[in-house]
Amino acid sequence: FSDAVSEQLQKLQRRGVICAVASRTQSGF
């Protein structure tokens, strides 16, 4: 993901929001 998204994710984590990352592709991990 982009640097801007990374920055926002870290803000959410500090607020106690649990964040997970999946892939928008149809296969793989």
PDB file of all heavy atoms in Angstrom:
ATOM      1  N   PHE A   1       0.857  -1.185   0.000  1.00  0.00           N
ATOM      2  CA  PHE A   1       0.000   0.000   0.000  1.00  0.00           C
ATOM      3  C   PHE A   1       0.894   1.236   0.000  1.00  0.00           C
ATOM      4  O   PHE A   1       2.108   1.143   0.237  1.00  0.00           O
ATOM      5  CB  PHE A   1      -0.934  -0.004   1.215  1.00  0.00           C
ATOM      6  CG  PHE A   1      -0.281  -0.454   2.488  1.00  0.00           C
ATOM      7  CD1 PHE A   1       0.437   0.431   3.292  1.00  0.00           C
ATOM      8  CD2 PHE A   1      -0.367  -1.781   2.900  1.00  0.00           C
ATOM      9  CE1 PHE A   1       1.041   0.010   4.467  1.00  0.00           C
ATOM     10  CE2 PHE A   1       0.241  -2.216   4.071  1.00  0.00           C
ATOM     11  CZ  PHE A   1       0.949  -1.312   4.860  1.00  0.00           C
ATOM     12  N   SER A   2       0.290   2.358  -0.244  1.00  0.00           N
ATOM     13  CA  SER A   2       1.047   3.600  -0.374  1.00  0.00           C
ATOM     14  C   SER A   2       1.550   4.100   0.973  1.00  0.00           C
ATOM     15  O   SER A   2       1.074   3.693   2.038  1.00  0.00           O
ATOM     16  CB  SER A   2       0.170   4.676  -1.012  1.00  0.00           C
ATOM     17  OG  SER A   2      -0.898   5.017  -0.132  1.00  0.00           O
ATOM     18  N   ASP A   3       2.509   5.023   0.914  1.00  0.00           N
ATOM     19  CA  ASP A   3       3.026   5.640   2.142  1.00  0.00           C
ATOM     20  C   ASP A   3       1.923   6.399   2.871  1.00  0.00           C
ATOM     21  O   ASP A   3       1.876   6.408   4.107  1.00  0.00           O
ATOM     22  CB  ASP A   3       4.182   6.594   1.814  1.00  0.00           C
ATOM     23  CG  ASP A   3       5.420   5.876   1.323  1.00  0.00           C
ATOM     24  OD1 ASP A   3       5.521   4.643   1.530  1.00  0.00           O
ATOM     25  OD2 ASP A   3       6.293   6.536   0.715  1.00  0.00           O
ATOM     26  N   ALA A   4       1.035   7.043   2.113  1.00  0.00           N
ATOM     27  CA  ALA A   4      -0.063   7.786   2.739  1.00  0.00           C
ATOM     28  C   ALA A   4      -0.994   6.854   3.507  1.00  0.00           C
ATOM     29  O   ALA A   4      -1.452   7.173   4.607  1.00  0.00           O
ATOM     30  CB  ALA A   4      -0.844   8.557   1.676  1.00  0.00           C
ATOM     31  N   VAL A   5      -1.265   5.699   2.946  1.00  0.00           N
ATOM     32  CA  VAL A   5      -2.099   4.721   3.629  1.00  0.00           C
ATOM     33  C   VAL A   5      -1.376   4.180   4.862  1.00  0.00           C
ATOM     34  O   VAL A   5      -1.981   3.986   5.922  1.00  0.00           O
ATOM     35  CB  VAL A   5      -2.490   3.586   2.671  1.00  0.00           C
ATOM     36  CG1 VAL A   5      -3.065   2.392   3.435  1.00  0.00           C
ATOM     37  CG2 VAL A   5      -3.504   4.083   1.651  1.00  0.00           C
ATOM     38  N   SER A   6      -0.098   3.948   4.749  1.00  0.00           N
ATOM     39  CA  SER A   6       0.692   3.486   5.893  1.00  0.00           C
ATOM     40  C   SER A   6       0.584   4.460   7.056  1.00  0.00           C
ATOM     41  O   SER A   6       0.398   4.062   8.217  1.00  0.00           O
ATOM     42  CB  SER A   6       2.151   3.305   5.486  1.00  0.00           C
ATOM     43  OG  SER A   6       2.933   2.925   6.601  1.00  0.00           O
ATOM     44  N   GLU A   7       0.669   5.730   6.751  1.00  0.00           N
ATOM     45  CA  GLU A   7       0.569   6.763   7.799  1.00  0.00           C
ATOM     46  C   GLU A   7      -0.789   6.734   8.480  1.00  0.00           C
ATOM     47  O   GLU A   7      -0.893   6.806   9.713  1.00  0.00           O
ATOM     48  CB  GLU A   7       0.823   8.137   7.176  1.00  0.00           C
ATOM     49  CG  GLU A   7       0.785   9.284   8.164  1.00  0.00           C
ATOM     50  CD  GLU A   7       1.039  10.631   7.508  1.00  0.00           C
ATOM     51  OE1 GLU A   7       1.569  10.666   6.379  1.00  0.00           O
ATOM     52  OE2 GLU A   7       0.689  11.660   8.137  1.00  0.00           O
ATOM     53  N   GLN A   8      -1.846   6.581   7.683  1.00  0.00           N
ATOM     54  CA  GLN A   8      -3.191   6.545   8.251  1.00  0.00           C
ATOM     55  C   GLN A   8      -3.432   5.263   9.053  1.00  0.00           C
ATOM     56  O   GLN A   8      -4.087   5.301  10.103  1.00  0.00           O
ATOM     57  CB  GLN A   8      -4.232   6.671   7.138  1.00  0.00           C
ATOM     58  CG  GLN A   8      -4.260   8.028   6.467  1.00  0.00           C
ATOM     59  CD  GLN A   8      -4.655   9.146   7.409  1.00  0.00           C
ATOM     60  OE1 GLN A   8      -5.483   8.968   8.306  1.00  0.00           O
ATOM     61  NE2 GLN A   8      -4.072  10.317   7.222  1.00  0.00           N
ATOM     62  N   LEU A   9      -2.895   4.155   8.585  1.00  0.00           N
ATOM     63  CA  LEU A   9      -3.039   2.904   9.325  1.00  0.00           C
ATOM     64  C   LEU A   9      -2.410   2.998  10.704  1.00  0.00           C
ATOM     65  O   LEU A   9      -2.967   2.511  11.694  1.00  0.00           O
ATOM     66  CB  LEU A   9      -2.421   1.749   8.536  1.00  0.00           C
ATOM     67  CG  LEU A   9      -3.185   1.245   7.313  1.00  0.00           C
ATOM     68  CD1 LEU A   9      -2.339   0.231   6.548  1.00  0.00           C
ATOM     69  CD2 LEU A   9      -4.521   0.619   7.710  1.00  0.00           C
ATOM     70  N   GLN A  10      -1.252   3.614  10.772  1.00  0.00           N
ATOM     71  CA  GLN A  10      -0.594   3.766  12.069  1.00  0.00           C
ATOM     72  C   GLN A  10      -1.413   4.653  13.008  1.00  0.00           C
ATOM     73  O   GLN A  10      -1.464   4.402  14.216  1.00  0.00           O
ATOM     74  CB  GLN A  10       0.807   4.353  11.852  1.00  0.00           C
ATOM     75  CG  GLN A  10       1.748   3.379  11.146  1.00  0.00           C
ATOM     76  CD  GLN A  10       3.094   4.009  10.845  1.00  0.00           C
ATOM     77  OE1 GLN A  10       3.908   4.249  11.745  1.00  0.00           O
ATOM     78  NE2 GLN A  10       3.337   4.283   9.562  1.00  0.00           N
ATOM     79  N   LYS A  11      -2.065   5.664  12.465  1.00  0.00           N
ATOM     80  CA  LYS A  11      -2.947   6.493  13.284  1.00  0.00           C
ATOM     81  C   LYS A  11      -4.117   5.676  13.822  1.00  0.00           C
ATOM     82  O   LYS A  11      -4.502   5.814  14.992  1.00  0.00           O
ATOM     83  CB  LYS A  11      -3.455   7.682  12.463  1.00  0.00           C
ATOM     84  CG  LYS A  11      -2.393   8.732  12.144  1.00  0.00           C
ATOM     85  CD  LYS A  11      -3.006   9.891  11.350  1.00  0.00           C
ATOM     86  CE  LYS A  11      -1.958  10.949  11.038  1.00  0.00           C
ATOM     87  NZ  LYS A  11      -2.529  12.072  10.252  1.00  0.00           N
ATOM     88  N   LEU A  12      -4.682   4.835  12.968  1.00  0.00           N
ATOM     89  CA  LEU A  12      -5.788   3.982  13.403  1.00  0.00           C
ATOM     90  C   LEU A  12      -5.332   3.014  14.485  1.00  0.00           C
ATOM     91  O   LEU A  12      -6.057   2.786  15.480  1.00  0.00           O
ATOM     92  CB  LEU A  12      -6.360   3.204  12.217  1.00  0.00           C
ATOM     93  CG  LEU A  12      -7.608   3.796  11.549  1.00  0.00           C
ATOM     94  CD1 LEU A  12      -7.331   5.183  10.993  1.00  0.00           C
ATOM     95  CD2 LEU A  12      -8.107   2.862  10.439  1.00  0.00           C
ATOM     96  N   GLN A  13      -4.160   2.454  14.334  1.00  0.00           N
ATOM     97  CA  GLN A  13      -3.650   1.520  15.330  1.00  0.00           C
ATOM     98  C   GLN A  13      -3.478   2.206  16.680  1.00  0.00           C
ATOM     99  O   GLN A  13      -3.771   1.611  17.727  1.00  0.00           O
ATOM    100  CB  GLN A  13      -2.331   0.921  14.852  1.00  0.00           C
ATOM    101  CG  GLN A  13      -2.483  -0.066  13.701  1.00  0.00           C
ATOM    102  CD  GLN A  13      -1.151  -0.548  13.176  1.00  0.00           C
ATOM    103  OE1 GLN A  13      -0.173   0.194  13.142  1.00  0.00           O
ATOM    104  NE2 GLN A  13      -1.093  -1.801  12.761  1.00  0.00           N
ATOM    105  N   ARG A  14      -3.026   3.433  16.667  1.00  0.00           N
ATOM    106  CA  ARG A  14      -2.866   4.170  17.940  1.00  0.00           C
ATOM    107  C   ARG A  14      -4.212   4.456  18.589  1.00  0.00           C
ATOM    108  O   ARG A  14      -4.295   4.624  19.808  1.00  0.00           O
ATOM    109  CB  ARG A  14      -2.094   5.473  17.692  1.00  0.00           C
ATOM    110  CG  ARG A  14      -0.614   5.258  17.387  1.00  0.00           C
ATOM    111  CD  ARG A  14       0.164   6.563  17.474  1.00  0.00           C
ATOM    112  NE  ARG A  14      -0.138   7.472  16.377  1.00  0.00           N
ATOM    113  CZ  ARG A  14       0.509   7.516  15.223  1.00  0.00           C
ATOM    114  NH1 ARG A  14       1.500   6.654  14.992  1.00  0.00           N
ATOM    115  NH2 ARG A  14       0.182   8.395  14.302  1.00  0.00           N
ATOM    116  N   ARG A  15      -5.259   4.469  17.798  1.00  0.00           N
ATOM    117  CA  ARG A  15      -6.617   4.669  18.328  1.00  0.00           C
ATOM    118  C   ARG A  15      -7.246   3.350  18.778  1.00  0.00           C
ATOM    119  O   ARG A  15      -8.383   3.329  19.235  1.00  0.00           O
ATOM    120  CB  ARG A  15      -7.492   5.331  17.264  1.00  0.00           C
ATOM    121  CG  ARG A  15      -7.104   6.749  16.932  1.00  0.00           C
ATOM    122  CD  ARG A  15      -7.907   7.321  15.765  1.00  0.00           C
ATOM    123  NE  ARG A  15      -9.341   7.379  16.023  1.00  0.00           N
ATOM    124  CZ  ARG A  15     -10.229   7.941  15.194  1.00  0.00           C
ATOM    125  NH1 ARG A  15      -9.813   8.496  14.076  1.00  0.00           N
ATOM    126  NH2 ARG A  15     -11.509   7.952  15.496  1.00  0.00           N
ATOM    127  N   GLY A  16      -6.539   2.235  18.616  1.00  0.00           N
ATOM    128  CA  GLY A  16      -7.050   0.941  19.051  1.00  0.00           C
ATOM    129  C   GLY A  16      -7.822   0.185  17.995  1.00  0.00           C
ATOM    130  O   GLY A  16      -8.427  -0.865  18.299  1.00  0.00           O
ATOM    131  N   VAL A  17      -7.818   0.674  16.771  1.00  0.00           N
ATOM    132  CA  VAL A  17      -8.499  -0.025  15.678  1.00  0.00           C
ATOM    133  C   VAL A  17      -7.601  -1.167  15.199  1.00  0.00           C
ATOM    134  O   VAL A  17      -6.419  -0.962  14.909  1.00  0.00           O
ATOM    135  CB  VAL A  17      -8.806   0.939  14.514  1.00  0.00           C
ATOM    136  CG1 VAL A  17      -9.461   0.184  13.361  1.00  0.00           C
ATOM    137  CG2 VAL A  17      -9.698   2.082  14.994  1.00  0.00           C
ATOM    138  N   ILE A  18      -8.150  -2.373  15.135  1.00  0.00           N
ATOM    139  CA  ILE A  18      -7.385  -3.524  14.655  1.00  0.00           C
ATOM    140  C   ILE A  18      -7.399  -3.516  13.130  1.00  0.00           C
ATOM    141  O   ILE A  18      -8.466  -3.461  12.513  1.00  0.00           O
ATOM    142  CB  ILE A  18      -7.980  -4.850  15.179  1.00  0.00           C
ATOM    143  CG1 ILE A  18      -8.038  -4.827  16.706  1.00  0.00           C
ATOM    144  CG2 ILE A  18      -7.152  -6.028  14.685  1.00  0.00           C
ATOM    145  CD1 ILE A  18      -6.699  -4.717  17.375  1.00  0.00           C
ATOM    146  N   CYS A  19      -6.218  -3.566  12.532  1.00  0.00           N
ATOM    147  CA  CYS A  19      -6.102  -3.485  11.077  1.00  0.00           C
ATOM    148  C   CYS A  19      -5.490  -4.768  10.526  1.00  0.00           C
ATOM    149  O   CYS A  19      -4.547  -5.312  11.101  1.00  0.00           O
ATOM    150  CB  CYS A  19      -5.243  -2.290  10.673  1.00  0.00           C
ATOM    151  SG  CYS A  19      -5.875  -0.687  11.253  1.00  0.00           S
ATOM    152  N   ALA A  20      -6.044  -5.225   9.427  1.00  0.00           N
ATOM    153  CA  ALA A  20      -5.531  -6.408   8.746  1.00  0.00           C
ATOM    154  C   ALA A  20      -5.354  -6.085   7.271  1.00  0.00           C
ATOM    155  O   ALA A  20      -6.007  -5.182   6.743  1.00  0.00           O
ATOM    156  CB  ALA A  20      -6.491  -7.587   8.910  1.00  0.00           C
ATOM    157  N   VAL A  21      -4.462  -6.814   6.621  1.00  0.00           N
ATOM    158  CA  VAL A  21      -4.246  -6.601   5.193  1.00  0.00           C
ATOM    159  C   VAL A  21      -4.452  -7.905   4.432  1.00  0.00           C
ATOM    160  O   VAL A  21      -3.892  -8.943   4.767  1.00  0.00           O
ATOM    161  CB  VAL A  21      -2.848  -6.012   4.905  1.00  0.00           C
ATOM    162  CG1 VAL A  21      -1.731  -6.934   5.398  1.00  0.00           C
ATOM    163  CG2 VAL A  21      -2.679  -5.720   3.416  1.00  0.00           C
ATOM    164  N   ALA A  22      -5.321  -7.842   3.422  1.00  0.00           N
ATOM    165  CA  ALA A  22      -5.543  -8.938   2.485  1.00  0.00           C
ATOM    166  C   ALA A  22      -5.073  -8.451   1.116  1.00  0.00           C
ATOM    167  O   ALA A  22      -4.553  -7.347   0.982  1.00  0.00           O
ATOM    168  CB  ALA A  22      -7.015  -9.323   2.457  1.00  0.00           C
ATOM    169  N   SER A  23      -5.270  -9.287   0.115  1.00  0.00           N
ATOM    170  CA  SER A  23      -4.876  -8.893  -1.231  1.00  0.00           C
ATOM    171  C   SER A  23      -6.108  -8.753  -2.113  1.00  0.00           C
ATOM    172  O   SER A  23      -7.062  -9.516  -1.987  1.00  0.00           O
ATOM    173  CB  SER A  23      -3.929  -9.928  -1.844  1.00  0.00           C
ATOM    174  OG  SER A  23      -3.637  -9.606  -3.194  1.00  0.00           O
ATOM    175  N   ARG A  24      -6.051  -7.794  -3.008  1.00  0.00           N
ATOM    176  CA  ARG A  24      -7.161  -7.627  -3.943  1.00  0.00           C
ATOM    177  C   ARG A  24      -7.055  -8.592  -5.121  1.00  0.00           C
ATOM    178  O   ARG A  24      -7.948  -8.624  -5.975  1.00  0.00           O
ATOM    179  CB  ARG A  24      -7.234  -6.183  -4.442  1.00  0.00           C
ATOM    180  CG  ARG A  24      -6.097  -5.765  -5.338  1.00  0.00           C
ATOM    181  CD  ARG A  24      -6.241  -4.330  -5.813  1.00  0.00           C
ATOM    182  NE  ARG A  24      -5.458  -4.098  -7.038  1.00  0.00           N
ATOM    183  CZ  ARG A  24      -5.478  -2.964  -7.723  1.00  0.00           C
ATOM    184  NH1 ARG A  24      -6.215  -1.942  -7.305  1.00  0.00           N
ATOM    185  NH2 ARG A  24      -4.762  -2.839  -8.822  1.00  0.00           N
ATOM    186  N   THR A  25      -5.991  -9.383  -5.184  1.00  0.00           N
ATOM    187  CA  THR A  25      -5.852 -10.385  -6.233  1.00  0.00           C
ATOM    188  C   THR A  25      -6.734 -11.586  -5.922  1.00  0.00           C
ATOM    189  O   THR A  25      -7.268 -11.728  -4.823  1.00  0.00           O
ATOM    190  CB  THR A  25      -4.392 -10.851  -6.365  1.00  0.00           C
ATOM    191  OG1 THR A  25      -3.978 -11.476  -5.143  1.00  0.00           O
ATOM    192  CG2 THR A  25      -3.475  -9.681  -6.664  1.00  0.00           C
ATOM    193  N   GLN A  26      -6.866 -12.494  -6.868  1.00  0.00           N
ATOM    194  CA  GLN A  26      -7.736 -13.654  -6.711  1.00  0.00           C
ATOM    195  C   GLN A  26      -7.031 -14.854  -6.084  1.00  0.00           C
ATOM    196  O   GLN A  26      -7.674 -15.834  -5.740  1.00  0.00           O
ATOM    197  CB  GLN A  26      -8.303 -14.056  -8.076  1.00  0.00           C
ATOM    198  CG  GLN A  26      -9.260 -13.040  -8.680  1.00  0.00           C
ATOM    199  CD  GLN A  26     -10.591 -12.971  -7.960  1.00  0.00           C
ATOM    200  OE1 GLN A  26     -10.966 -13.870  -7.234  1.00  0.00           O
ATOM    201  NE2 GLN A  26     -11.306 -11.879  -8.151  1.00  0.00           N
ATOM    202  N   SER A  27      -5.710 -14.807  -5.966  1.00  0.00           N
ATOM    203  CA  SER A  27      -4.992 -15.943  -5.394  1.00  0.00           C
ATOM    204  C   SER A  27      -3.700 -15.455  -4.759  1.00  0.00           C
ATOM    205  O   SER A  27      -3.322 -14.282  -4.892  1.00  0.00           O
ATOM    206  CB  SER A  27      -4.692 -17.006  -6.461  1.00  0.00           C
ATOM    207  OG  SER A  27      -3.853 -16.478  -7.471  1.00  0.00           O
ATOM    208  N   GLY A  28      -3.013 -16.357  -4.065  1.00  0.00           N
ATOM    209  CA  GLY A  28      -1.790 -15.973  -3.367  1.00  0.00           C
ATOM    210  C   GLY A  28      -2.065 -15.600  -1.925  1.00  0.00           C
ATOM    211  O   GLY A  28      -3.166 -15.784  -1.407  1.00  0.00           O
ATOM    212  N   PHE A  29      -1.057 -15.063  -1.262  1.00  0.00           N
ATOM    213  CA  PHE A  29      -1.170 -14.724   0.148  1.00  0.00           C
ATOM    214  C   PHE A  29      -0.587 -13.341   0.390  1.00  0.00           C
ATOM    215  O   PHE A  29       0.018 -12.732  -0.506  1.00  0.00           O
ATOM    216  CB  PHE A  29      -0.438 -15.763   1.003  1.00  0.00           C
ATOM    217  CG  PHE A  29       1.041 -15.856   0.701  1.00  0.00           C
ATOM    218  CD1 PHE A  29       1.956 -15.096   1.419  1.00  0.00           C
ATOM    219  CD2 PHE A  29       1.513 -16.686  -0.307  1.00  0.00           C
ATOM    220  CE1 PHE A  29       3.309 -15.163   1.140  1.00  0.00           C
ATOM    221  CE2 PHE A  29       2.867 -16.766  -0.591  1.00  0.00           C
ATOM    222  CZ  PHE A  29       3.768 -16.007   0.130  1.00  0.00           C
TER     223      PHE A  29
END
